[in-house]
Amino acid sequence: MEIQTSHRGAVLVVRPSGPLTGADADTFKTAVQGFVRDNLGRVVVDASALPYVDSKGLECLADIAEEMALTGRGLRLCAANETLRQVLDLTGLAPQFEHFEDANSAVRSFL
């Protein structure tokens, strides 16, 4: 898995590329936790290049969202494919995320 980052003002957009599974999920979680600390919690996960997320990947996303919620911040998720959105709904995890159609909308939500 490759993780690209870009700043849009005071917001960091994190774009993982490739399946979010197994060991990659742990790597992604550690990276995002560091990004959250370094960017005051203004982080958007752009899921446009995530073709597949397994149970470990879902757990990773849920853990990050929960940690952020405990400190009064919310994880923004954007451009998730239909399958990922359905899985989040079916597992009851959808309410943990603010979801947006694209990164621009997600970034603007911090204003």
N, C-alpha and C. Protein backbone atom coordinates (compact mmCIF):
# COMPACT_ATOMS: atom_id res chain seq x y z
N MET A 1 0.84 -1.18 0.00
CA MET A 1 0.00 0.00 0.00
C MET A 1 0.88 1.24 0.00
N GLU A 2 0.47 2.19 -0.79
CA GLU A 2 1.15 3.47 -0.86
C GLU A 2 0.24 4.51 -0.20
N ILE A 3 0.84 5.42 0.57
CA ILE A 3 0.07 6.47 1.24
C ILE A 3 0.59 7.81 0.76
N GLN A 4 -0.28 8.55 0.06
CA GLN A 4 0.08 9.89 -0.40
C GLN A 4 -0.59 10.90 0.51
N THR A 5 0.09 12.01 0.73
CA THR A 5 -0.49 13.07 1.54
C THR A 5 -0.36 14.40 0.80
N SER A 6 -1.30 15.28 1.06
CA SER A 6 -1.23 16.64 0.53
C SER A 6 -1.92 17.57 1.51
N HIS A 7 -1.41 18.78 1.60
CA HIS A 7 -2.03 19.78 2.47
C HIS A 7 -2.94 20.68 1.65
N ARG A 8 -4.08 20.94 2.19
CA ARG A 8 -5.01 21.92 1.61
C ARG A 8 -5.32 22.89 2.73
N GLY A 9 -4.54 23.93 2.78
CA GLY A 9 -4.63 24.85 3.90
C GLY A 9 -4.15 24.15 5.15
N ALA A 10 -4.96 24.18 6.20
CA ALA A 10 -4.61 23.55 7.47
C ALA A 10 -5.10 22.11 7.56
N VAL A 11 -5.58 21.56 6.45
CA VAL A 11 -6.12 20.20 6.44
C VAL A 11 -5.19 19.28 5.68
N LEU A 12 -4.94 18.12 6.24
CA LEU A 12 -4.13 17.11 5.57
C LEU A 12 -5.05 16.09 4.92
N VAL A 13 -4.85 15.84 3.63
CA VAL A 13 -5.61 14.82 2.92
C VAL A 13 -4.69 13.62 2.76
N VAL A 14 -5.15 12.47 3.27
CA VAL A 14 -4.39 11.22 3.21
C VAL A 14 -5.07 10.34 2.19
N ARG A 15 -4.31 9.88 1.19
CA ARG A 15 -4.88 9.05 0.12
C ARG A 15 -4.15 7.71 0.05
N PRO A 16 -4.69 6.69 0.72
CA PRO A 16 -4.10 5.36 0.60
C PRO A 16 -4.43 4.77 -0.77
N SER A 17 -3.48 4.06 -1.32
CA SER A 17 -3.68 3.47 -2.64
C SER A 17 -3.40 1.97 -2.56
N GLY A 18 -4.41 1.17 -2.89
CA GLY A 18 -4.30 -0.28 -2.80
C GLY A 18 -5.22 -0.79 -1.72
N PRO A 19 -5.35 -2.10 -1.62
CA PRO A 19 -6.24 -2.69 -0.62
C PRO A 19 -5.79 -2.36 0.81
N LEU A 20 -6.74 -2.09 1.68
CA LEU A 20 -6.46 -1.84 3.09
C LEU A 20 -6.73 -3.14 3.83
N THR A 21 -5.70 -3.97 3.92
CA THR A 21 -5.83 -5.30 4.49
C THR A 21 -4.62 -5.63 5.37
N GLY A 22 -4.81 -6.58 6.27
CA GLY A 22 -3.74 -7.15 7.07
C GLY A 22 -2.72 -6.17 7.61
N ALA A 23 -1.45 -6.46 7.35
CA ALA A 23 -0.34 -5.65 7.86
C ALA A 23 -0.39 -4.22 7.34
N ASP A 24 -0.89 -4.03 6.13
CA ASP A 24 -1.01 -2.68 5.58
C ASP A 24 -1.95 -1.83 6.44
N ALA A 25 -2.96 -2.45 7.02
CA ALA A 25 -3.89 -1.72 7.87
C ALA A 25 -3.17 -1.18 9.10
N ASP A 26 -2.29 -1.99 9.70
CA ASP A 26 -1.53 -1.53 10.86
C ASP A 26 -0.60 -0.38 10.49
N THR A 27 0.04 -0.49 9.34
CA THR A 27 0.93 0.57 8.86
C THR A 27 0.15 1.85 8.62
N PHE A 28 -1.01 1.72 7.99
CA PHE A 28 -1.86 2.87 7.72
C PHE A 28 -2.32 3.53 9.01
N LYS A 29 -2.75 2.72 9.98
CA LYS A 29 -3.23 3.25 11.26
C LYS A 29 -2.12 4.05 11.96
N THR A 30 -0.92 3.50 12.01
CA THR A 30 0.20 4.19 12.64
C THR A 30 0.50 5.51 11.93
N ALA A 31 0.49 5.48 10.61
CA ALA A 31 0.76 6.69 9.83
C ALA A 31 -0.30 7.76 10.10
N VAL A 32 -1.57 7.38 10.07
CA VAL A 32 -2.64 8.35 10.27
C VAL A 32 -2.61 8.91 11.69
N GLN A 33 -2.31 8.07 12.68
CA GLN A 33 -2.20 8.57 14.05
C GLN A 33 -1.14 9.66 14.15
N GLY A 34 -0.03 9.47 13.45
CA GLY A 34 1.02 10.49 13.41
C GLY A 34 0.54 11.75 12.71
N PHE A 35 -0.18 11.58 11.60
CA PHE A 35 -0.71 12.73 10.87
C PHE A 35 -1.69 13.52 11.73
N VAL A 36 -2.51 12.82 12.50
CA VAL A 36 -3.50 13.48 13.36
C VAL A 36 -2.78 14.34 14.39
N ARG A 37 -1.74 13.81 15.01
CA ARG A 37 -0.97 14.57 16.00
C ARG A 37 -0.33 15.81 15.36
N ASP A 38 0.20 15.65 14.17
CA ASP A 38 0.93 16.73 13.51
C ASP A 38 0.02 17.78 12.88
N ASN A 39 -1.26 17.49 12.69
CA ASN A 39 -2.16 18.39 11.97
C ASN A 39 -3.41 18.76 12.78
N LEU A 40 -3.29 18.74 14.08
CA LEU A 40 -4.39 19.16 14.95
C LEU A 40 -5.70 18.44 14.66
N GLY A 41 -5.61 17.24 14.12
CA GLY A 41 -6.81 16.46 13.88
C GLY A 41 -7.57 16.82 12.63
N ARG A 42 -7.04 17.69 11.83
CA ARG A 42 -7.72 18.07 10.58
C ARG A 42 -7.23 17.16 9.47
N VAL A 43 -7.81 15.96 9.43
CA VAL A 43 -7.36 14.94 8.49
C VAL A 43 -8.56 14.39 7.72
N VAL A 44 -8.38 14.30 6.41
CA VAL A 44 -9.38 13.69 5.53
C VAL A 44 -8.76 12.44 4.93
N VAL A 45 -9.48 11.33 4.98
CA VAL A 45 -9.02 10.11 4.31
C VAL A 45 -9.76 10.02 2.98
N ASP A 46 -9.00 10.15 1.90
CA ASP A 46 -9.54 10.05 0.54
C ASP A 46 -9.50 8.58 0.14
N ALA A 47 -10.66 7.95 0.12
CA ALA A 47 -10.75 6.51 -0.14
C ALA A 47 -10.92 6.17 -1.62
N SER A 48 -10.69 7.13 -2.50
CA SER A 48 -10.93 6.92 -3.93
C SER A 48 -10.05 5.83 -4.54
N ALA A 49 -8.90 5.55 -3.94
CA ALA A 49 -8.00 4.53 -4.48
C ALA A 49 -7.97 3.27 -3.61
N LEU A 50 -9.00 3.09 -2.78
CA LEU A 50 -9.11 1.87 -1.97
C LEU A 50 -10.08 0.91 -2.65
N PRO A 51 -9.55 -0.05 -3.39
CA PRO A 51 -10.45 -0.98 -4.08
C PRO A 51 -11.12 -1.98 -3.14
N TYR A 52 -10.47 -2.23 -1.99
CA TYR A 52 -10.95 -3.29 -1.10
C TYR A 52 -10.49 -3.00 0.32
N VAL A 53 -11.37 -3.25 1.28
CA VAL A 53 -11.05 -3.12 2.70
C VAL A 53 -11.54 -4.37 3.40
N ASP A 54 -10.63 -5.09 4.06
CA ASP A 54 -11.06 -6.30 4.78
C ASP A 54 -11.40 -5.94 6.22
N SER A 55 -11.67 -6.95 7.04
CA SER A 55 -12.08 -6.70 8.42
C SER A 55 -11.00 -5.97 9.21
N LYS A 56 -9.75 -6.27 8.95
CA LYS A 56 -8.65 -5.58 9.62
C LYS A 56 -8.61 -4.11 9.21
N GLY A 57 -8.86 -3.83 7.94
CA GLY A 57 -8.91 -2.47 7.46
C GLY A 57 -10.07 -1.69 8.08
N LEU A 58 -11.24 -2.34 8.18
CA LEU A 58 -12.39 -1.71 8.83
C LEU A 58 -12.09 -1.40 10.29
N GLU A 59 -11.45 -2.35 10.96
CA GLU A 59 -11.09 -2.16 12.36
C GLU A 59 -10.14 -0.97 12.49
N CYS A 60 -9.20 -0.87 11.58
CA CYS A 60 -8.23 0.23 11.57
C CYS A 60 -8.96 1.57 11.43
N LEU A 61 -9.85 1.69 10.45
CA LEU A 61 -10.60 2.93 10.25
C LEU A 61 -11.46 3.26 11.47
N ALA A 62 -12.10 2.25 12.04
CA ALA A 62 -12.96 2.46 13.21
C ALA A 62 -12.13 2.91 14.41
N ASP A 63 -10.95 2.31 14.61
CA ASP A 63 -10.08 2.70 15.72
C ASP A 63 -9.64 4.16 15.60
N ILE A 64 -9.26 4.56 14.39
CA ILE A 64 -8.83 5.94 14.17
C ILE A 64 -10.00 6.90 14.44
N ALA A 65 -11.17 6.57 13.92
CA ALA A 65 -12.35 7.42 14.13
C ALA A 65 -12.69 7.52 15.62
N GLU A 66 -12.60 6.41 16.33
CA GLU A 66 -12.92 6.41 17.76
C GLU A 66 -11.92 7.25 18.55
N GLU A 67 -10.64 7.10 18.24
CA GLU A 67 -9.61 7.89 18.92
C GLU A 67 -9.82 9.38 18.69
N MET A 68 -10.19 9.75 17.48
CA MET A 68 -10.42 11.16 17.17
C MET A 68 -11.67 11.66 17.87
N ALA A 69 -12.71 10.85 17.91
CA ALA A 69 -13.96 11.25 18.56
C ALA A 69 -13.75 11.50 20.06
N LEU A 70 -12.88 10.72 20.68
CA LEU A 70 -12.61 10.88 22.11
C LEU A 70 -11.99 12.23 22.42
N THR A 71 -11.35 12.84 21.44
CA THR A 71 -10.74 14.16 21.63
C THR A 71 -11.55 15.26 20.96
N GLY A 72 -12.80 14.94 20.60
CA GLY A 72 -13.69 15.94 20.04
C GLY A 72 -13.50 16.22 18.56
N ARG A 73 -12.83 15.33 17.86
CA ARG A 73 -12.61 15.51 16.42
C ARG A 73 -13.30 14.38 15.68
N GLY A 74 -13.59 14.61 14.41
CA GLY A 74 -14.21 13.57 13.61
C GLY A 74 -13.37 13.27 12.39
N LEU A 75 -13.33 12.02 12.03
CA LEU A 75 -12.58 11.61 10.85
C LEU A 75 -13.45 11.85 9.62
N ARG A 76 -12.91 12.59 8.67
CA ARG A 76 -13.62 12.82 7.41
C ARG A 76 -13.19 11.75 6.43
N LEU A 77 -14.14 11.15 5.78
CA LEU A 77 -13.89 10.13 4.78
C LEU A 77 -14.53 10.61 3.49
N CYS A 78 -13.80 10.51 2.39
CA CYS A 78 -14.39 10.96 1.13
C CYS A 78 -14.11 9.96 0.02
N ALA A 79 -14.97 10.01 -0.98
CA ALA A 79 -14.83 9.24 -2.21
C ALA A 79 -14.78 7.73 -2.00
N ALA A 80 -15.44 7.25 -0.96
CA ALA A 80 -15.49 5.80 -0.74
C ALA A 80 -16.38 5.16 -1.81
N ASN A 81 -15.96 4.01 -2.31
CA ASN A 81 -16.77 3.34 -3.33
C ASN A 81 -18.04 2.77 -2.68
N GLU A 82 -18.96 2.37 -3.51
CA GLU A 82 -20.26 1.89 -3.04
C GLU A 82 -20.11 0.68 -2.10
N THR A 83 -19.20 -0.20 -2.40
CA THR A 83 -19.00 -1.39 -1.57
C THR A 83 -18.55 -1.00 -0.17
N LEU A 84 -17.59 -0.09 -0.07
CA LEU A 84 -17.12 0.33 1.25
C LEU A 84 -18.24 1.02 2.02
N ARG A 85 -19.02 1.86 1.36
CA ARG A 85 -20.13 2.52 2.05
C ARG A 85 -21.15 1.50 2.56
N GLN A 86 -21.44 0.48 1.74
CA GLN A 86 -22.40 -0.55 2.16
C GLN A 86 -21.85 -1.34 3.35
N VAL A 87 -20.58 -1.68 3.32
CA VAL A 87 -19.98 -2.42 4.42
C VAL A 87 -20.03 -1.59 5.71
N LEU A 88 -19.74 -0.30 5.60
CA LEU A 88 -19.81 0.56 6.79
C LEU A 88 -21.24 0.61 7.33
N ASP A 89 -22.22 0.67 6.44
CA ASP A 89 -23.62 0.66 6.87
C ASP A 89 -23.99 -0.67 7.53
N LEU A 90 -23.63 -1.79 6.88
CA LEU A 90 -24.00 -3.11 7.38
C LEU A 90 -23.36 -3.43 8.73
N THR A 91 -22.14 -2.93 8.94
CA THR A 91 -21.44 -3.21 10.19
C THR A 91 -21.78 -2.21 11.29
N GLY A 92 -22.57 -1.20 10.95
CA GLY A 92 -22.94 -0.19 11.94
C GLY A 92 -21.85 0.83 12.20
N LEU A 93 -20.82 0.85 11.38
CA LEU A 93 -19.72 1.79 11.58
C LEU A 93 -19.93 3.14 10.89
N ALA A 94 -20.88 3.23 9.99
CA ALA A 94 -21.08 4.46 9.22
C ALA A 94 -21.23 5.71 10.08
N PRO A 95 -21.95 5.66 11.20
CA PRO A 95 -22.10 6.89 12.00
C PRO A 95 -20.78 7.43 12.58
N GLN A 96 -19.74 6.61 12.60
CA GLN A 96 -18.46 7.07 13.13
C GLN A 96 -17.71 7.99 12.17
N PHE A 97 -18.18 8.06 10.93
CA PHE A 97 -17.48 8.82 9.91
C PHE A 97 -18.37 9.89 9.31
N GLU A 98 -17.78 11.04 9.06
CA GLU A 98 -18.46 12.03 8.23
C GLU A 98 -17.99 11.71 6.82
N HIS A 99 -18.93 11.43 5.91
CA HIS A 99 -18.56 11.03 4.56
C HIS A 99 -18.92 12.13 3.57
N PHE A 100 -18.01 12.37 2.63
CA PHE A 100 -18.20 13.38 1.60
C PHE A 100 -17.89 12.77 0.25
N GLU A 101 -18.47 13.35 -0.79
CA GLU A 101 -18.28 12.82 -2.14
C GLU A 101 -16.87 13.02 -2.66
N ASP A 102 -16.22 14.12 -2.27
CA ASP A 102 -14.87 14.39 -2.77
C ASP A 102 -14.05 15.10 -1.70
N ALA A 103 -12.74 15.19 -1.95
CA ALA A 103 -11.83 15.77 -0.97
C ALA A 103 -12.13 17.25 -0.73
N ASN A 104 -12.49 18.00 -1.77
CA ASN A 104 -12.78 19.41 -1.60
C ASN A 104 -13.92 19.64 -0.62
N SER A 105 -14.98 18.86 -0.73
CA SER A 105 -16.11 18.99 0.19
C SER A 105 -15.70 18.64 1.62
N ALA A 106 -14.90 17.61 1.75
CA ALA A 106 -14.44 17.20 3.07
C ALA A 106 -13.56 18.26 3.71
N VAL A 107 -12.66 18.83 2.92
CA VAL A 107 -11.78 19.89 3.43
C VAL A 107 -12.61 21.10 3.85
N ARG A 108 -13.57 21.49 3.03
CA ARG A 108 -14.40 22.66 3.36
C ARG A 108 -15.22 22.44 4.64
N SER A 109 -15.48 21.19 5.00
CA SER A 109 -16.27 20.92 6.19
C SER A 109 -15.56 21.35 7.47
N PHE A 110 -14.26 21.54 7.40
CA PHE A 110 -13.51 22.00 8.58
C PHE A 110 -13.66 23.50 8.82
N LEU A 111 -14.18 24.22 7.84
CA LEU A 111 -14.31 25.69 7.96
C LEU A 111 -15.53 26.08 8.74
